[in-house]
Amino acid sequence: LAKVVPVATSIVDVQTDRGVIELRSPRELNDPPKVFTFDAVYDPRCNKIISPTSRKKE
């Protein structure tokens, strides 16, 4: 018997240049994505986020 292995698919698209995050339904691939707009978004691979308003502690 063949073993069936589920395939993981990302349903999140991050567009850092536009400040947009899009979510797609994993069940309804033909549905348009839900779009959320922010002042800034970070790439999911980002491992360090520094606030542009942070100050150095003295």
PDB file of N, CA and C in Angstrom:
ATOM      1  N   LEU A   1       0.830  -1.190   0.000  1.00  0.00           N
ATOM      2  CA  LEU A   1       0.000   0.000   0.000  1.00  0.00           C
ATOM      3  C   LEU A   1       0.872   1.249   0.000  1.00  0.00           C
ATOM      4  N   ALA A   2       0.443   2.233  -0.735  1.00  0.00           N
ATOM      5  CA  ALA A   2       1.169   3.509  -0.786  1.00  0.00           C
ATOM      6  C   ALA A   2       0.788   4.355   0.421  1.00  0.00           C
ATOM      7  N   LYS A   3       1.766   5.026   0.956  1.00  0.00           N
ATOM      8  CA  LYS A   3       1.525   5.908   2.103  1.00  0.00           C
ATOM      9  C   LYS A   3       1.199   7.311   1.593  1.00  0.00           C
ATOM     10  N   VAL A   4       0.120   7.888   2.081  1.00  0.00           N
ATOM     11  CA  VAL A   4      -0.277   9.240   1.688  1.00  0.00           C
ATOM     12  C   VAL A   4       0.316  10.221   2.690  1.00  0.00           C
ATOM     13  N   VAL A   5       1.073  11.180   2.167  1.00  0.00           N
ATOM     14  CA  VAL A   5       1.700  12.192   3.016  1.00  0.00           C
ATOM     15  C   VAL A   5       1.042  13.533   2.721  1.00  0.00           C
ATOM     16  N   PRO A   6       0.456  14.180   3.737  1.00  0.00           N
ATOM     17  CA  PRO A   6      -0.162  15.495   3.490  1.00  0.00           C
ATOM     18  C   PRO A   6       0.897  16.540   3.131  1.00  0.00           C
ATOM     19  N   VAL A   7       0.519  17.444   2.265  1.00  0.00           N
ATOM     20  CA  VAL A   7       1.429  18.506   1.835  1.00  0.00           C
ATOM     21  C   VAL A   7       1.023  19.803   2.520  1.00  0.00           C
ATOM     22  N   ALA A   8       1.981  20.445   3.169  1.00  0.00           N
ATOM     23  CA  ALA A   8       1.713  21.731   3.830  1.00  0.00           C
ATOM     24  C   ALA A   8       1.792  22.849   2.797  1.00  0.00           C
ATOM     25  N   THR A   9       0.810  23.711   2.809  1.00  0.00           N
ATOM     26  CA  THR A   9       0.770  24.841   1.891  1.00  0.00           C
ATOM     27  C   THR A   9       0.562  26.113   2.696  1.00  0.00           C
ATOM     28  N   SER A  10       1.331  27.131   2.370  1.00  0.00           N
ATOM     29  CA  SER A  10       1.181  28.408   3.061  1.00  0.00           C
ATOM     30  C   SER A  10      -0.063  29.122   2.552  1.00  0.00           C
ATOM     31  N   ILE A  11      -0.847  29.646   3.467  1.00  0.00           N
ATOM     32  CA  ILE A  11      -2.047  30.399   3.085  1.00  0.00           C
ATOM     33  C   ILE A  11      -1.857  31.890   3.349  1.00  0.00           C
ATOM     34  N   VAL A  12      -0.640  32.279   3.746  1.00  0.00           N
ATOM     35  CA  VAL A  12      -0.335  33.668   4.084  1.00  0.00           C
ATOM     36  C   VAL A  12       0.674  34.215   3.085  1.00  0.00           C
ATOM     37  N   ASP A  13       0.390  35.391   2.547  1.00  0.00           N
ATOM     38  CA  ASP A  13       1.321  36.082   1.653  1.00  0.00           C
ATOM     39  C   ASP A  13       1.606  37.452   2.257  1.00  0.00           C
ATOM     40  N   VAL A  14       2.878  37.732   2.539  1.00  0.00           N
ATOM     41  CA  VAL A  14       3.281  39.005   3.133  1.00  0.00           C
ATOM     42  C   VAL A  14       3.971  39.836   2.062  1.00  0.00           C
ATOM     43  N   GLN A  15       3.461  41.040   1.839  1.00  0.00           N
ATOM     44  CA  GLN A  15       4.046  41.954   0.855  1.00  0.00           C
ATOM     45  C   GLN A  15       4.600  43.154   1.612  1.00  0.00           C
ATOM     46  N   THR A  16       5.883  43.060   1.976  1.00  0.00           N
ATOM     47  CA  THR A  16       6.498  44.086   2.812  1.00  0.00           C
ATOM     48  C   THR A  16       6.563  45.442   2.121  1.00  0.00           C
ATOM     49  N   ASP A  17       6.710  45.449   0.806  1.00  0.00           N
ATOM     50  CA  ASP A  17       6.808  46.721   0.080  1.00  0.00           C
ATOM     51  C   ASP A  17       5.492  47.493   0.070  1.00  0.00           C
ATOM     52  N   ARG A  18       4.376  46.790   0.231  1.00  0.00           N
ATOM     53  CA  ARG A  18       3.055  47.429   0.221  1.00  0.00           C
ATOM     54  C   ARG A  18       2.413  47.490   1.601  1.00  0.00           C
ATOM     55  N   GLY A  19       3.020  46.834   2.602  1.00  0.00           N
ATOM     56  CA  GLY A  19       2.421  46.788   3.932  1.00  0.00           C
ATOM     57  C   GLY A  19       1.151  45.962   3.965  1.00  0.00           C
ATOM     58  N   VAL A  20       1.138  44.865   3.210  1.00  0.00           N
ATOM     59  CA  VAL A  20      -0.074  44.067   3.039  1.00  0.00           C
ATOM     60  C   VAL A  20       0.167  42.614   3.455  1.00  0.00           C
ATOM     61  N   ILE A  21      -0.844  42.041   4.109  1.00  0.00           N
ATOM     62  CA  ILE A  21      -0.872  40.610   4.390  1.00  0.00           C
ATOM     63  C   ILE A  21      -2.141  40.058   3.762  1.00  0.00           C
ATOM     64  N   GLU A  22      -1.997  38.998   2.959  1.00  0.00           N
ATOM     65  CA  GLU A  22      -3.137  38.355   2.318  1.00  0.00           C
ATOM     66  C   GLU A  22      -3.291  36.948   2.874  1.00  0.00           C
ATOM     67  N   LEU A  23      -4.532  36.579   3.197  1.00  0.00           N
ATOM     68  CA  LEU A  23      -4.843  35.234   3.679  1.00  0.00           C
ATOM     69  C   LEU A  23      -5.749  34.547   2.672  1.00  0.00           C
ATOM     70  N   ARG A  24      -5.365  33.335   2.279  1.00  0.00           N
ATOM     71  CA  ARG A  24      -6.161  32.547   1.343  1.00  0.00           C
ATOM     72  C   ARG A  24      -6.812  31.376   2.075  1.00  0.00           C
ATOM     73  N   SER A  25      -7.997  31.017   1.660  1.00  0.00           N
ATOM     74  CA  SER A  25      -8.690  29.865   2.234  1.00  0.00           C
ATOM     75  C   SER A  25      -8.052  28.590   1.696  1.00  0.00           C
ATOM     76  N   PRO A  26      -7.645  27.670   2.567  1.00  0.00           N
ATOM     77  CA  PRO A  26      -7.065  26.417   2.078  1.00  0.00           C
ATOM     78  C   PRO A  26      -8.111  25.500   1.441  1.00  0.00           C
ATOM     79  N   ARG A  27      -9.379  25.739   1.729  1.00  0.00           N
ATOM     80  CA  ARG A  27     -10.452  24.893   1.192  1.00  0.00           C
ATOM     81  C   ARG A  27     -11.027  25.431  -0.109  1.00  0.00           C
ATOM     82  N   GLU A  28     -11.052  26.737  -0.251  1.00  0.00           N
ATOM     83  CA  GLU A  28     -11.656  27.366  -1.435  1.00  0.00           C
ATOM     84  C   GLU A  28     -10.586  28.142  -2.196  1.00  0.00           C
ATOM     85  N   LEU A  29      -9.835  27.450  -3.027  1.00  0.00           N
ATOM     86  CA  LEU A  29      -8.704  28.067  -3.722  1.00  0.00           C
ATOM     87  C   LEU A  29      -9.124  29.136  -4.722  1.00  0.00           C
ATOM     88  N   ASN A  30     -10.362  29.095  -5.182  1.00  0.00           N
ATOM     89  CA  ASN A  30     -10.826  30.088  -6.152  1.00  0.00           C
ATOM     90  C   ASN A  30     -11.337  31.365  -5.500  1.00  0.00           C
ATOM     91  N   ASP A  31     -11.526  31.352  -4.191  1.00  0.00           N
ATOM     92  CA  ASP A  31     -11.979  32.558  -3.488  1.00  0.00           C
ATOM     93  C   ASP A  31     -10.873  33.606  -3.466  1.00  0.00           C
ATOM     94  N   PRO A  32     -11.234  34.884  -3.559  1.00  0.00           N
ATOM     95  CA  PRO A  32     -10.210  35.930  -3.455  1.00  0.00           C
ATOM     96  C   PRO A  32      -9.640  35.962  -2.033  1.00  0.00           C
ATOM     97  N   PRO A  33      -8.388  36.369  -1.887  1.00  0.00           N
ATOM     98  CA  PRO A  33      -7.791  36.415  -0.544  1.00  0.00           C
ATOM     99  C   PRO A  33      -8.375  37.550   0.290  1.00  0.00           C
ATOM    100  N   LYS A  34      -8.318  37.384   1.598  1.00  0.00           N
ATOM    101  CA  LYS A  34      -8.650  38.469   2.526  1.00  0.00           C
ATOM    102  C   LYS A  34      -7.401  39.333   2.621  1.00  0.00           C
ATOM    103  N   VAL A  35      -7.548  40.638   2.448  1.00  0.00           N
ATOM    104  CA  VAL A  35      -6.400  41.544   2.413  1.00  0.00           C
ATOM    105  C   VAL A  35      -6.438  42.465   3.625  1.00  0.00           C
ATOM    106  N   PHE A  36      -5.311  42.536   4.334  1.00  0.00           N
ATOM    107  CA  PHE A  36      -5.165  43.400   5.503  1.00  0.00           C
ATOM    108  C   PHE A  36      -4.000  44.342   5.245  1.00  0.00           C
ATOM    109  N   THR A  37      -4.217  45.646   5.448  1.00  0.00           N
ATOM    110  CA  THR A  37      -3.189  46.651   5.198  1.00  0.00           C
ATOM    111  C   THR A  37      -2.735  47.269   6.515  1.00  0.00           C
ATOM    112  N   PHE A  38      -1.409  47.404   6.666  1.00  0.00           N
ATOM    113  CA  PHE A  38      -0.806  47.955   7.876  1.00  0.00           C
ATOM    114  C   PHE A  38       0.205  49.026   7.496  1.00  0.00           C
ATOM    115  N   ASP A  39       0.630  49.808   8.478  1.00  0.00           N
ATOM    116  CA  ASP A  39       1.684  50.794   8.236  1.00  0.00           C
ATOM    117  C   ASP A  39       2.980  50.104   7.840  1.00  0.00           C
ATOM    118  N   ALA A  40       3.264  48.964   8.458  1.00  0.00           N
ATOM    119  CA  ALA A  40       4.466  48.191   8.142  1.00  0.00           C
ATOM    120  C   ALA A  40       4.203  46.728   8.461  1.00  0.00           C
ATOM    121  N   VAL A  41       4.769  45.844   7.658  1.00  0.00           N
ATOM    122  CA  VAL A  41       4.716  44.405   7.924  1.00  0.00           C
ATOM    123  C   VAL A  41       6.124  43.853   7.769  1.00  0.00           C
ATOM    124  N   TYR A  42       6.375  42.734   8.409  1.00  0.00           N
ATOM    125  CA  TYR A  42       7.699  42.125   8.375  1.00  0.00           C
ATOM    126  C   TYR A  42       7.620  40.758   7.719  1.00  0.00           C
ATOM    127  N   ASP A  43       8.644  40.437   6.985  1.00  0.00           N
ATOM    128  CA  ASP A  43       8.751  39.151   6.322  1.00  0.00           C
ATOM    129  C   ASP A  43       8.701  38.033   7.365  1.00  0.00           C
ATOM    130  N   PRO A  44       8.006  36.942   7.086  1.00  0.00           N
ATOM    131  CA  PRO A  44       7.932  35.848   8.059  1.00  0.00           C
ATOM    132  C   PRO A  44       9.295  35.255   8.412  1.00  0.00           C
ATOM    133  N   ARG A  45      10.274  35.419   7.548  1.00  0.00           N
ATOM    134  CA  ARG A  45      11.618  34.895   7.822  1.00  0.00           C
ATOM    135  C   ARG A  45      12.442  35.836   8.678  1.00  0.00           C
ATOM    136  N   CYS A  46      11.904  37.006   8.993  1.00  0.00           N
ATOM    137  CA  CYS A  46      12.616  37.985   9.811  1.00  0.00           C
ATOM    138  C   CYS A  46      12.780  37.435  11.222  1.00  0.00           C
ATOM    139  N   ASN A  47      14.011  37.503  11.747  1.00  0.00           N
ATOM    140  CA  ASN A  47      14.221  36.976  13.091  1.00  0.00           C
ATOM    141  C   ASN A  47      14.568  38.065  14.098  1.00  0.00           C
ATOM    142  N   LYS A  48      14.617  39.311  13.652  1.00  0.00           N
ATOM    143  CA  LYS A  48      14.898  40.413  14.564  1.00  0.00           C
ATOM    144  C   LYS A  48      14.138  41.642  14.079  1.00  0.00           C
ATOM    145  N   ILE A  49      13.305  42.189  14.942  1.00  0.00           N
ATOM    146  CA  ILE A  49      12.528  43.375  14.593  1.00  0.00           C
ATOM    147  C   ILE A  49      12.951  44.499  15.520  1.00  0.00           C
ATOM    148  N   ILE A  50      13.389  45.594  14.922  1.00  0.00           N
ATOM    149  CA  ILE A  50      13.803  46.764  15.694  1.00  0.00           C
ATOM    150  C   ILE A  50      12.849  47.896  15.362  1.00  0.00           C
ATOM    151  N   SER A  51      12.217  48.436  16.373  1.00  0.00           N
ATOM    152  CA  SER A  51      11.273  49.519  16.169  1.00  0.00           C
ATOM    153  C   SER A  51      12.010  50.773  15.714  1.00  0.00           C
ATOM    154  N   PRO A  52      11.501  51.460  14.692  1.00  0.00           N
ATOM    155  CA  PRO A  52      12.145  52.698  14.251  1.00  0.00           C
ATOM    156  C   PRO A  52      12.059  53.804  15.300  1.00  0.00           C
ATOM    157  N   THR A  53      11.211  53.618  16.308  1.00  0.00           N
ATOM    158  CA  THR A  53      11.076  54.632  17.355  1.00  0.00           C
ATOM    159  C   THR A  53      11.806  54.246  18.638  1.00  0.00           C
ATOM    160  N   SER A  54      12.497  53.105  18.613  1.00  0.00           N
ATOM    161  CA  SER A  54      13.196  52.681  19.831  1.00  0.00           C
ATOM    162  C   SER A  54      14.397  53.578  20.089  1.00  0.00           C
ATOM    163  N   ARG A  55      14.713  53.738  21.352  1.00  0.00           N
ATOM    164  CA  ARG A  55      15.843  54.582  21.752  1.00  0.00           C
ATOM    165  C   ARG A  55      16.859  53.749  22.511  1.00  0.00           C
ATOM    166  N   LYS A  56      18.088  54.178  22.437  1.00  0.00           N
ATOM    167  CA  LYS A  56      19.146  53.508  23.171  1.00  0.00           C
ATOM    168  C   LYS A  56      19.021  53.877  24.647  1.00  0.00           C
ATOM    169  N   LYS A  57      19.064  52.858  25.521  1.00  0.00           N
ATOM    170  CA  LYS A  57      18.995  53.117  26.958  1.00  0.00           C
ATOM    171  C   LYS A  57      20.327  53.661  27.435  1.00  0.00           C
ATOM    172  N   GLU A  58      20.253  54.660  28.289  1.00  0.00           N
ATOM    173  CA  GLU A  58      21.488  55.266  28.810  1.00  0.00           C
ATOM    174  C   GLU A  58      21.694  54.931  30.252  1.00  0.00           C
TER     175      GLU A  58
END
